[in-house]
N, C-alpha and C. Protein backbone atom coordinates (compact mmCIF):
# COMPACT_ATOMS: atom_id res chain seq x y z
N MET A 1 9.28 -2.12 19.50
CA MET A 1 9.25 -0.74 19.03
C MET A 1 9.09 -0.75 17.51
N ALA A 2 8.21 0.06 17.00
CA ALA A 2 7.96 0.10 15.57
C ALA A 2 8.85 1.13 14.90
N GLY A 3 9.25 0.82 13.68
CA GLY A 3 10.01 1.76 12.87
C GLY A 3 9.14 2.25 11.72
N VAL A 4 9.45 3.42 11.23
CA VAL A 4 8.71 3.96 10.11
C VAL A 4 9.59 3.88 8.87
N HIS A 5 9.02 3.35 7.81
CA HIS A 5 9.75 3.14 6.57
C HIS A 5 9.01 3.79 5.42
N ARG A 6 9.73 4.14 4.38
CA ARG A 6 9.10 4.63 3.16
C ARG A 6 8.64 3.45 2.34
N VAL A 7 7.46 3.54 1.80
CA VAL A 7 6.94 2.50 0.92
C VAL A 7 6.79 3.12 -0.46
N LEU A 8 7.50 2.58 -1.42
CA LEU A 8 7.45 3.09 -2.78
C LEU A 8 6.75 2.07 -3.67
N LEU A 9 5.84 2.55 -4.48
CA LEU A 9 5.18 1.68 -5.45
C LEU A 9 5.88 1.85 -6.79
N THR A 10 6.31 0.75 -7.35
CA THR A 10 6.96 0.81 -8.65
C THR A 10 5.93 1.15 -9.73
N HIS A 11 6.42 1.53 -10.88
CA HIS A 11 5.53 1.83 -12.00
C HIS A 11 4.68 0.60 -12.34
N GLY A 12 5.29 -0.56 -12.29
CA GLY A 12 4.57 -1.80 -12.57
C GLY A 12 3.46 -2.06 -11.56
N THR A 13 3.74 -1.77 -10.31
CA THR A 13 2.73 -1.94 -9.26
C THR A 13 1.57 -0.99 -9.50
N GLU A 14 1.88 0.25 -9.83
CA GLU A 14 0.82 1.22 -10.10
C GLU A 14 -0.04 0.77 -11.29
N GLN A 15 0.60 0.22 -12.30
CA GLN A 15 -0.14 -0.29 -13.46
C GLN A 15 -1.04 -1.46 -13.06
N ASP A 16 -0.53 -2.34 -12.21
CA ASP A 16 -1.32 -3.48 -11.73
C ASP A 16 -2.54 -3.01 -10.95
N ILE A 17 -2.34 -2.04 -10.08
CA ILE A 17 -3.45 -1.52 -9.29
C ILE A 17 -4.49 -0.87 -10.20
N GLU A 18 -4.03 -0.14 -11.19
CA GLU A 18 -4.95 0.48 -12.14
C GLU A 18 -5.72 -0.58 -12.92
N ALA A 19 -5.05 -1.65 -13.31
CA ALA A 19 -5.72 -2.74 -14.04
C ALA A 19 -6.77 -3.43 -13.16
N ILE A 20 -6.46 -3.63 -11.89
CA ILE A 20 -7.43 -4.23 -10.96
C ILE A 20 -8.64 -3.31 -10.83
N TYR A 21 -8.39 -2.02 -10.66
CA TYR A 21 -9.46 -1.02 -10.54
C TYR A 21 -10.35 -1.06 -11.78
N ASP A 22 -9.74 -1.04 -12.96
CA ASP A 22 -10.50 -1.06 -14.22
C ASP A 22 -11.31 -2.35 -14.36
N TYR A 23 -10.71 -3.48 -13.98
CA TYR A 23 -11.40 -4.76 -14.08
C TYR A 23 -12.64 -4.78 -13.19
N ILE A 24 -12.48 -4.33 -11.96
CA ILE A 24 -13.61 -4.31 -11.03
C ILE A 24 -14.72 -3.40 -11.58
N ALA A 25 -14.32 -2.24 -12.08
CA ALA A 25 -15.30 -1.29 -12.61
C ALA A 25 -16.07 -1.87 -13.79
N GLU A 26 -15.38 -2.64 -14.62
CA GLU A 26 -16.01 -3.17 -15.83
C GLU A 26 -16.77 -4.47 -15.60
N PHE A 27 -16.18 -5.40 -14.84
CA PHE A 27 -16.73 -6.75 -14.77
C PHE A 27 -17.36 -7.14 -13.43
N ASP A 28 -17.08 -6.38 -12.38
CA ASP A 28 -17.61 -6.77 -11.08
C ASP A 28 -18.70 -5.80 -10.66
N ALA A 29 -18.39 -4.91 -9.79
CA ALA A 29 -19.38 -3.95 -9.30
C ALA A 29 -18.80 -2.55 -9.43
N PRO A 30 -19.30 -1.80 -10.39
CA PRO A 30 -18.74 -0.46 -10.64
C PRO A 30 -18.69 0.44 -9.40
N THR A 31 -19.53 0.20 -8.44
CA THR A 31 -19.49 1.04 -7.23
C THR A 31 -18.45 0.55 -6.23
N ARG A 32 -17.85 -0.59 -6.47
CA ARG A 32 -16.90 -1.18 -5.50
C ARG A 32 -15.45 -0.86 -5.82
N GLU A 33 -15.15 -0.38 -7.02
CA GLU A 33 -13.74 -0.20 -7.37
C GLU A 33 -13.05 0.80 -6.46
N GLN A 34 -13.74 1.87 -6.05
CA GLN A 34 -13.13 2.86 -5.16
C GLN A 34 -12.84 2.25 -3.80
N TYR A 35 -13.75 1.42 -3.31
CA TYR A 35 -13.56 0.75 -2.02
C TYR A 35 -12.31 -0.14 -2.06
N VAL A 36 -12.18 -0.91 -3.12
CA VAL A 36 -11.03 -1.81 -3.25
C VAL A 36 -9.74 -1.00 -3.35
N LEU A 37 -9.76 0.08 -4.10
CA LEU A 37 -8.58 0.94 -4.21
C LEU A 37 -8.19 1.49 -2.84
N GLU A 38 -9.16 1.93 -2.07
CA GLU A 38 -8.89 2.44 -0.72
C GLU A 38 -8.31 1.34 0.17
N GLN A 39 -8.81 0.13 0.06
CA GLN A 39 -8.29 -0.98 0.87
C GLN A 39 -6.85 -1.30 0.50
N MET A 40 -6.53 -1.28 -0.79
CA MET A 40 -5.15 -1.55 -1.23
C MET A 40 -4.22 -0.43 -0.77
N THR A 41 -4.68 0.80 -0.83
CA THR A 41 -3.88 1.93 -0.39
C THR A 41 -3.61 1.85 1.11
N THR A 42 -4.63 1.51 1.87
CA THR A 42 -4.48 1.36 3.32
C THR A 42 -3.47 0.26 3.65
N ALA A 43 -3.55 -0.85 2.93
CA ALA A 43 -2.62 -1.96 3.17
C ALA A 43 -1.19 -1.52 2.87
N ALA A 44 -0.98 -0.79 1.79
CA ALA A 44 0.37 -0.32 1.45
C ALA A 44 0.88 0.66 2.51
N GLU A 45 0.00 1.53 2.99
CA GLU A 45 0.41 2.48 4.03
C GLU A 45 0.81 1.76 5.32
N LYS A 46 0.15 0.67 5.64
CA LYS A 46 0.48 -0.08 6.85
C LYS A 46 1.86 -0.72 6.77
N LEU A 47 2.34 -0.94 5.55
CA LEU A 47 3.69 -1.50 5.39
C LEU A 47 4.76 -0.54 5.90
N ALA A 48 4.42 0.74 5.96
CA ALA A 48 5.40 1.75 6.40
C ALA A 48 5.75 1.62 7.87
N VAL A 49 4.87 1.01 8.65
CA VAL A 49 5.11 0.87 10.08
C VAL A 49 5.29 -0.62 10.39
N LEU A 50 6.50 -0.99 10.62
CA LEU A 50 6.83 -2.38 10.89
C LEU A 50 7.49 -2.52 12.25
N PRO A 51 7.25 -3.60 12.96
CA PRO A 51 7.95 -3.80 14.22
C PRO A 51 9.43 -4.08 13.97
N LYS A 52 10.25 -3.66 14.90
CA LYS A 52 11.67 -3.95 14.80
C LYS A 52 11.90 -5.46 14.95
N PRO A 53 12.84 -6.01 14.20
CA PRO A 53 13.12 -7.45 14.33
C PRO A 53 13.73 -7.79 15.67
């Protein structure tokens, strides 16, 4: 049975995600930064639903 949990991103985590987004936009593929942000957001949201131990 799965439980639902709150997932909180710390200020430091938010800064890290922003830095990753900015890096991708500047040095990798400017059209890919939104995709990567969406993938990271989806991964964080999946943490909210965990199976019971």
